[in-house]
Amino acid sequence: MTGPDLDPEQYPPIDPREPVPDDAGVLLPGAQDELPEAPAEPTPDDGGNAGGVREPA
């Protein structure tokens, strides 16, 4: 299977020898400067695992 034909004006070819930019805004203009807070991990309740993360089998 081959990839779709992309417009080189909108999607220029990637040179793997080029260093990765330190600023993510170069890669994703319009992206947020800071990431939102990560959601809290669910924890098991005192009465078992109801509503929490299930234990592996």
PDB file of N, CA and C in Angstrom:
ATOM      1  N   MET A   1       0.853  -1.171   0.000  1.00  0.00           N
ATOM      2  CA  MET A   1       0.000   0.000   0.000  1.00  0.00           C
ATOM      3  C   MET A   1       0.900   1.236   0.000  1.00  0.00           C
ATOM      4  N   THR A   2       0.553   2.196  -0.775  1.00  0.00           N
ATOM      5  CA  THR A   2       1.341   3.423  -0.843  1.00  0.00           C
ATOM      6  C   THR A   2       0.618   4.546  -0.117  1.00  0.00           C
ATOM      7  N   GLY A   3       1.372   5.557   0.264  1.00  0.00           N
ATOM      8  CA  GLY A   3       0.788   6.714   0.927  1.00  0.00           C
ATOM      9  C   GLY A   3       0.065   7.603  -0.061  1.00  0.00           C
ATOM     10  N   PRO A   4      -0.792   8.489   0.458  1.00  0.00           N
ATOM     11  CA  PRO A   4      -1.518   9.389  -0.436  1.00  0.00           C
ATOM     12  C   PRO A   4      -0.563  10.426  -1.028  1.00  0.00           C
ATOM     13  N   ASP A   5      -0.940  10.966  -2.173  1.00  0.00           N
ATOM     14  CA  ASP A   5      -0.151  12.038  -2.775  1.00  0.00           C
ATOM     15  C   ASP A   5      -0.455  13.322  -2.025  1.00  0.00           C
ATOM     16  N   LEU A   6       0.546  13.823  -1.287  1.00  0.00           N
ATOM     17  CA  LEU A   6       0.363  15.019  -0.488  1.00  0.00           C
ATOM     18  C   LEU A   6       0.867  16.234  -1.239  1.00  0.00           C
ATOM     19  N   ASP A   7       0.220  17.356  -1.018  1.00  0.00           N
ATOM     20  CA  ASP A   7       0.621  18.616  -1.629  1.00  0.00           C
ATOM     21  C   ASP A   7       1.937  19.062  -0.993  1.00  0.00           C
ATOM     22  N   PRO A   8       3.031  19.167  -1.763  1.00  0.00           N
ATOM     23  CA  PRO A   8       4.325  19.540  -1.168  1.00  0.00           C
ATOM     24  C   PRO A   8       4.341  20.966  -0.614  1.00  0.00           C
ATOM     25  N   GLU A   9       3.408  21.811  -1.036  1.00  0.00           N
ATOM     26  CA  GLU A   9       3.334  23.157  -0.466  1.00  0.00           C
ATOM     27  C   GLU A   9       2.804  23.101   0.967  1.00  0.00           C
ATOM     28  N   GLN A  10       1.830  22.225   1.199  1.00  0.00           N
ATOM     29  CA  GLN A  10       1.233  22.109   2.529  1.00  0.00           C
ATOM     30  C   GLN A  10       2.025  21.141   3.405  1.00  0.00           C
ATOM     31  N   TYR A  11       2.551  20.081   2.820  1.00  0.00           N
ATOM     32  CA  TYR A  11       3.313  19.072   3.547  1.00  0.00           C
ATOM     33  C   TYR A  11       4.688  18.920   2.892  1.00  0.00           C
ATOM     34  N   PRO A  12       5.649  19.767   3.265  1.00  0.00           N
ATOM     35  CA  PRO A  12       6.965  19.638   2.650  1.00  0.00           C
ATOM     36  C   PRO A  12       7.643  18.336   3.065  1.00  0.00           C
ATOM     37  N   PRO A  13       8.538  17.821   2.240  1.00  0.00           N
ATOM     38  CA  PRO A  13       9.228  16.576   2.604  1.00  0.00           C
ATOM     39  C   PRO A  13      10.050  16.760   3.882  1.00  0.00           C
ATOM     40  N   ILE A  14      10.162  15.689   4.644  1.00  0.00           N
ATOM     41  CA  ILE A  14      10.911  15.719   5.902  1.00  0.00           C
ATOM     42  C   ILE A  14      12.315  15.187   5.647  1.00  0.00           C
ATOM     43  N   ASP A  15      13.309  15.945   6.102  1.00  0.00           N
ATOM     44  CA  ASP A  15      14.697  15.513   5.994  1.00  0.00           C
ATOM     45  C   ASP A  15      15.101  14.900   7.336  1.00  0.00           C
ATOM     46  N   PRO A  16      15.325  13.586   7.413  1.00  0.00           N
ATOM     47  CA  PRO A  16      15.647  12.959   8.699  1.00  0.00           C
ATOM     48  C   PRO A  16      16.985  13.409   9.279  1.00  0.00           C
ATOM     49  N   ARG A  17      17.841  14.038   8.473  1.00  0.00           N
ATOM     50  CA  ARG A  17      19.126  14.526   8.987  1.00  0.00           C
ATOM     51  C   ARG A  17      19.000  15.879   9.667  1.00  0.00           C
ATOM     52  N   GLU A  18      17.859  16.551   9.490  1.00  0.00           N
ATOM     53  CA  GLU A  18      17.657  17.867  10.087  1.00  0.00           C
ATOM     54  C   GLU A  18      17.367  17.710  11.581  1.00  0.00           C
ATOM     55  N   PRO A  19      17.972  18.541  12.448  1.00  0.00           N
ATOM     56  CA  PRO A  19      17.718  18.401  13.893  1.00  0.00           C
ATOM     57  C   PRO A  19      16.283  18.782  14.245  1.00  0.00           C
ATOM     58  N   VAL A  20      15.802  18.207  15.321  1.00  0.00           N
ATOM     59  CA  VAL A  20      14.452  18.483  15.798  1.00  0.00           C
ATOM     60  C   VAL A  20      14.449  19.858  16.464  1.00  0.00           C
ATOM     61  N   PRO A  21      13.474  20.723  16.147  1.00  0.00           N
ATOM     62  CA  PRO A  21      13.455  22.045  16.782  1.00  0.00           C
ATOM     63  C   PRO A  21      13.111  21.943  18.261  1.00  0.00           C
ATOM     64  N   ASP A  22      13.658  22.866  19.060  1.00  0.00           N
ATOM     65  CA  ASP A  22      13.365  22.901  20.491  1.00  0.00           C
ATOM     66  C   ASP A  22      11.965  23.429  20.766  1.00  0.00           C
ATOM     67  N   ASP A  23      11.460  24.271  19.874  1.00  0.00           N
ATOM     68  CA  ASP A  23      10.152  24.885  20.048  1.00  0.00           C
ATOM     69  C   ASP A  23       9.106  24.078  19.285  1.00  0.00           C
ATOM     70  N   ALA A  24       8.133  23.518  20.013  1.00  0.00           N
ATOM     71  CA  ALA A  24       7.091  22.715  19.368  1.00  0.00           C
ATOM     72  C   ALA A  24       6.186  23.577  18.492  1.00  0.00           C
ATOM     73  N   GLY A  25       6.161  24.885  18.711  1.00  0.00           N
ATOM     74  CA  GLY A  25       5.349  25.781  17.903  1.00  0.00           C
ATOM     75  C   GLY A  25       5.773  25.788  16.452  1.00  0.00           C
ATOM     76  N   VAL A  26       7.016  25.430  16.176  1.00  0.00           N
ATOM     77  CA  VAL A  26       7.487  25.342  14.793  1.00  0.00           C
ATOM     78  C   VAL A  26       6.791  24.181  14.090  1.00  0.00           C
ATOM     79  N   LEU A  27       6.612  23.078  14.814  1.00  0.00           N
ATOM     80  CA  LEU A  27       5.978  21.898  14.235  1.00  0.00           C
ATOM     81  C   LEU A  27       4.461  22.017  14.220  1.00  0.00           C
ATOM     82  N   LEU A  28       3.891  22.607  15.244  1.00  0.00           N
ATOM     83  CA  LEU A  28       2.440  22.749  15.355  1.00  0.00           C
ATOM     84  C   LEU A  28       2.085  24.202  15.641  1.00  0.00           C
ATOM     85  N   PRO A  29       2.101  25.059  14.626  1.00  0.00           N
ATOM     86  CA  PRO A  29       1.740  26.446  14.906  1.00  0.00           C
ATOM     87  C   PRO A  29       0.285  26.518  15.354  1.00  0.00           C
ATOM     88  N   GLY A  30      -0.008  27.255  16.349  1.00  0.00           N
ATOM     89  CA  GLY A  30      -1.375  27.340  16.862  1.00  0.00           C
ATOM     90  C   GLY A  30      -1.615  26.398  18.028  1.00  0.00           C
ATOM     91  N   ALA A  31      -0.630  25.559  18.378  1.00  0.00           N
ATOM     92  CA  ALA A  31      -0.775  24.679  19.534  1.00  0.00           C
ATOM     93  C   ALA A  31      -0.553  25.494  20.805  1.00  0.00           C
ATOM     94  N   GLN A  32      -1.066  24.995  21.914  1.00  0.00           N
ATOM     95  CA  GLN A  32      -0.903  25.682  23.191  1.00  0.00           C
ATOM     96  C   GLN A  32       0.564  25.713  23.585  1.00  0.00           C
ATOM     97  N   ASP A  33       0.966  26.761  24.301  1.00  0.00           N
ATOM     98  CA  ASP A  33       2.340  26.841  24.788  1.00  0.00           C
ATOM     99  C   ASP A  33       2.587  25.852  25.918  1.00  0.00           C
ATOM    100  N   GLU A  34       1.579  25.654  26.766  1.00  0.00           N
ATOM    101  CA  GLU A  34       1.717  24.735  27.885  1.00  0.00           C
ATOM    102  C   GLU A  34       0.626  23.675  27.799  1.00  0.00           C
ATOM    103  N   LEU A  35       0.962  22.480  28.221  1.00  0.00           N
ATOM    104  CA  LEU A  35      -0.016  21.396  28.225  1.00  0.00           C
ATOM    105  C   LEU A  35      -0.965  21.549  29.405  1.00  0.00           C
ATOM    106  N   PRO A  36      -2.229  21.124  29.259  1.00  0.00           N
ATOM    107  CA  PRO A  36      -3.145  21.165  30.404  1.00  0.00           C
ATOM    108  C   PRO A  36      -2.719  20.134  31.452  1.00  0.00           C
ATOM    109  N   GLU A  37      -3.239  20.297  32.657  1.00  0.00           N
ATOM    110  CA  GLU A  37      -2.933  19.360  33.728  1.00  0.00           C
ATOM    111  C   GLU A  37      -3.429  17.963  33.359  1.00  0.00           C
ATOM    112  N   ALA A  38      -2.669  16.961  33.726  1.00  0.00           N
ATOM    113  CA  ALA A  38      -3.064  15.576  33.465  1.00  0.00           C
ATOM    114  C   ALA A  38      -4.228  15.202  34.382  1.00  0.00           C
ATOM    115  N   PRO A  39      -5.159  14.376  33.903  1.00  0.00           N
ATOM    116  CA  PRO A  39      -6.267  13.972  34.780  1.00  0.00           C
ATOM    117  C   PRO A  39      -5.752  13.078  35.904  1.00  0.00           C
ATOM    118  N   ALA A  40      -6.444  13.109  37.030  1.00  0.00           N
ATOM    119  CA  ALA A  40      -6.050  12.291  38.176  1.00  0.00           C
ATOM    120  C   ALA A  40      -6.337  10.825  37.877  1.00  0.00           C
ATOM    121  N   GLU A  41      -5.421   9.970  38.283  1.00  0.00           N
ATOM    122  CA  GLU A  41      -5.598   8.532  38.097  1.00  0.00           C
ATOM    123  C   GLU A  41      -6.657   8.026  39.073  1.00  0.00           C
ATOM    124  N   PRO A  42      -7.586   7.191  38.601  1.00  0.00           N
ATOM    125  CA  PRO A  42      -8.561   6.625  39.544  1.00  0.00           C
ATOM    126  C   PRO A  42      -7.873   5.656  40.501  1.00  0.00           C
ATOM    127  N   THR A  43      -8.341   5.644  41.731  1.00  0.00           N
ATOM    128  CA  THR A  43      -7.767   4.746  42.730  1.00  0.00           C
ATOM    129  C   THR A  43      -8.867   3.846  43.281  1.00  0.00           C
ATOM    130  N   PRO A  44      -8.510   2.666  43.768  1.00  0.00           N
ATOM    131  CA  PRO A  44      -9.523   1.771  44.347  1.00  0.00           C
ATOM    132  C   PRO A  44     -10.153   2.405  45.585  1.00  0.00           C
ATOM    133  N   ASP A  45     -11.461   2.206  45.734  1.00  0.00           N
ATOM    134  CA  ASP A  45     -12.158   2.691  46.928  1.00  0.00           C
ATOM    135  C   ASP A  45     -11.867   1.762  48.091  1.00  0.00           C
ATOM    136  N   ASP A  46     -12.252   2.188  49.299  1.00  0.00           N
ATOM    137  CA  ASP A  46     -12.047   1.335  50.477  1.00  0.00           C
ATOM    138  C   ASP A  46     -12.870   0.057  50.388  1.00  0.00           C
ATOM    139  N   GLY A  47     -13.984   0.069  49.685  1.00  0.00           N
ATOM    140  CA  GLY A  47     -14.860  -1.091  49.617  1.00  0.00           C
ATOM    141  C   GLY A  47     -14.577  -1.976  48.419  1.00  0.00           C
ATOM    142  N   GLY A  48     -13.362  -2.055  47.947  1.00  0.00           N
ATOM    143  CA  GLY A  48     -13.037  -2.897  46.797  1.00  0.00           C
ATOM    144  C   GLY A  48     -12.566  -2.042  45.634  1.00  0.00           C
ATOM    145  N   ASN A  49     -12.774  -2.529  44.428  1.00  0.00           N
ATOM    146  CA  ASN A  49     -12.308  -1.815  43.245  1.00  0.00           C
ATOM    147  C   ASN A  49     -13.429  -1.078  42.508  1.00  0.00           C
ATOM    148  N   ALA A  50     -14.535  -0.863  43.137  1.00  0.00           N
ATOM    149  CA  ALA A  50     -15.641  -0.185  42.465  1.00  0.00           C
ATOM    150  C   ALA A  50     -15.224   1.220  42.076  1.00  0.00           C
ATOM    151  N   GLY A  51     -15.264   1.523  40.803  1.00  0.00           N
ATOM    152  CA  GLY A  51     -14.925   2.851  40.323  1.00  0.00           C
ATOM    153  C   GLY A  51     -13.441   3.088  40.169  1.00  0.00           C
ATOM    154  N   GLY A  52     -12.625   2.138  40.546  1.00  0.00           N
ATOM    155  CA  GLY A  52     -11.186   2.307  40.437  1.00  0.00           C
ATOM    156  C   GLY A  52     -10.604   1.495  39.304  1.00  0.00           C
ATOM    157  N   VAL A  53      -9.321   1.395  39.290  1.00  0.00           N
ATOM    158  CA  VAL A  53      -8.626   0.622  38.272  1.00  0.00           C
ATOM    159  C   VAL A  53      -8.676  -0.846  38.648  1.00  0.00           C
ATOM    160  N   ARG A  54      -9.072  -1.704  37.702  1.00  0.00           N
ATOM    161  CA  ARG A  54      -9.152  -3.129  37.985  1.00  0.00           C
ATOM    162  C   ARG A  54      -7.756  -3.728  38.103  1.00  0.00           C
ATOM    163  N   GLU A  55      -7.624  -4.690  38.986  1.00  0.00           N
ATOM    164  CA  GLU A  55      -6.374  -5.411  39.136  1.00  0.00           C
ATOM    165  C   GLU A  55      -6.208  -6.365  37.960  1.00  0.00           C
ATOM    166  N   PRO A  56      -4.987  -6.567  37.485  1.00  0.00           N
ATOM    167  CA  PRO A  56      -4.787  -7.524  36.382  1.00  0.00           C
ATOM    168  C   PRO A  56      -5.139  -8.937  36.841  1.00  0.00           C
ATOM    169  N   ALA A  57      -5.589  -9.744  35.907  1.00  0.00           N
ATOM    170  CA  ALA A  57      -5.992 -11.116  36.229  1.00  0.00           C
ATOM    171  C   ALA A  57      -4.811 -11.976  36.577  1.00  0.00           C
TER     172      ALA A  57
END
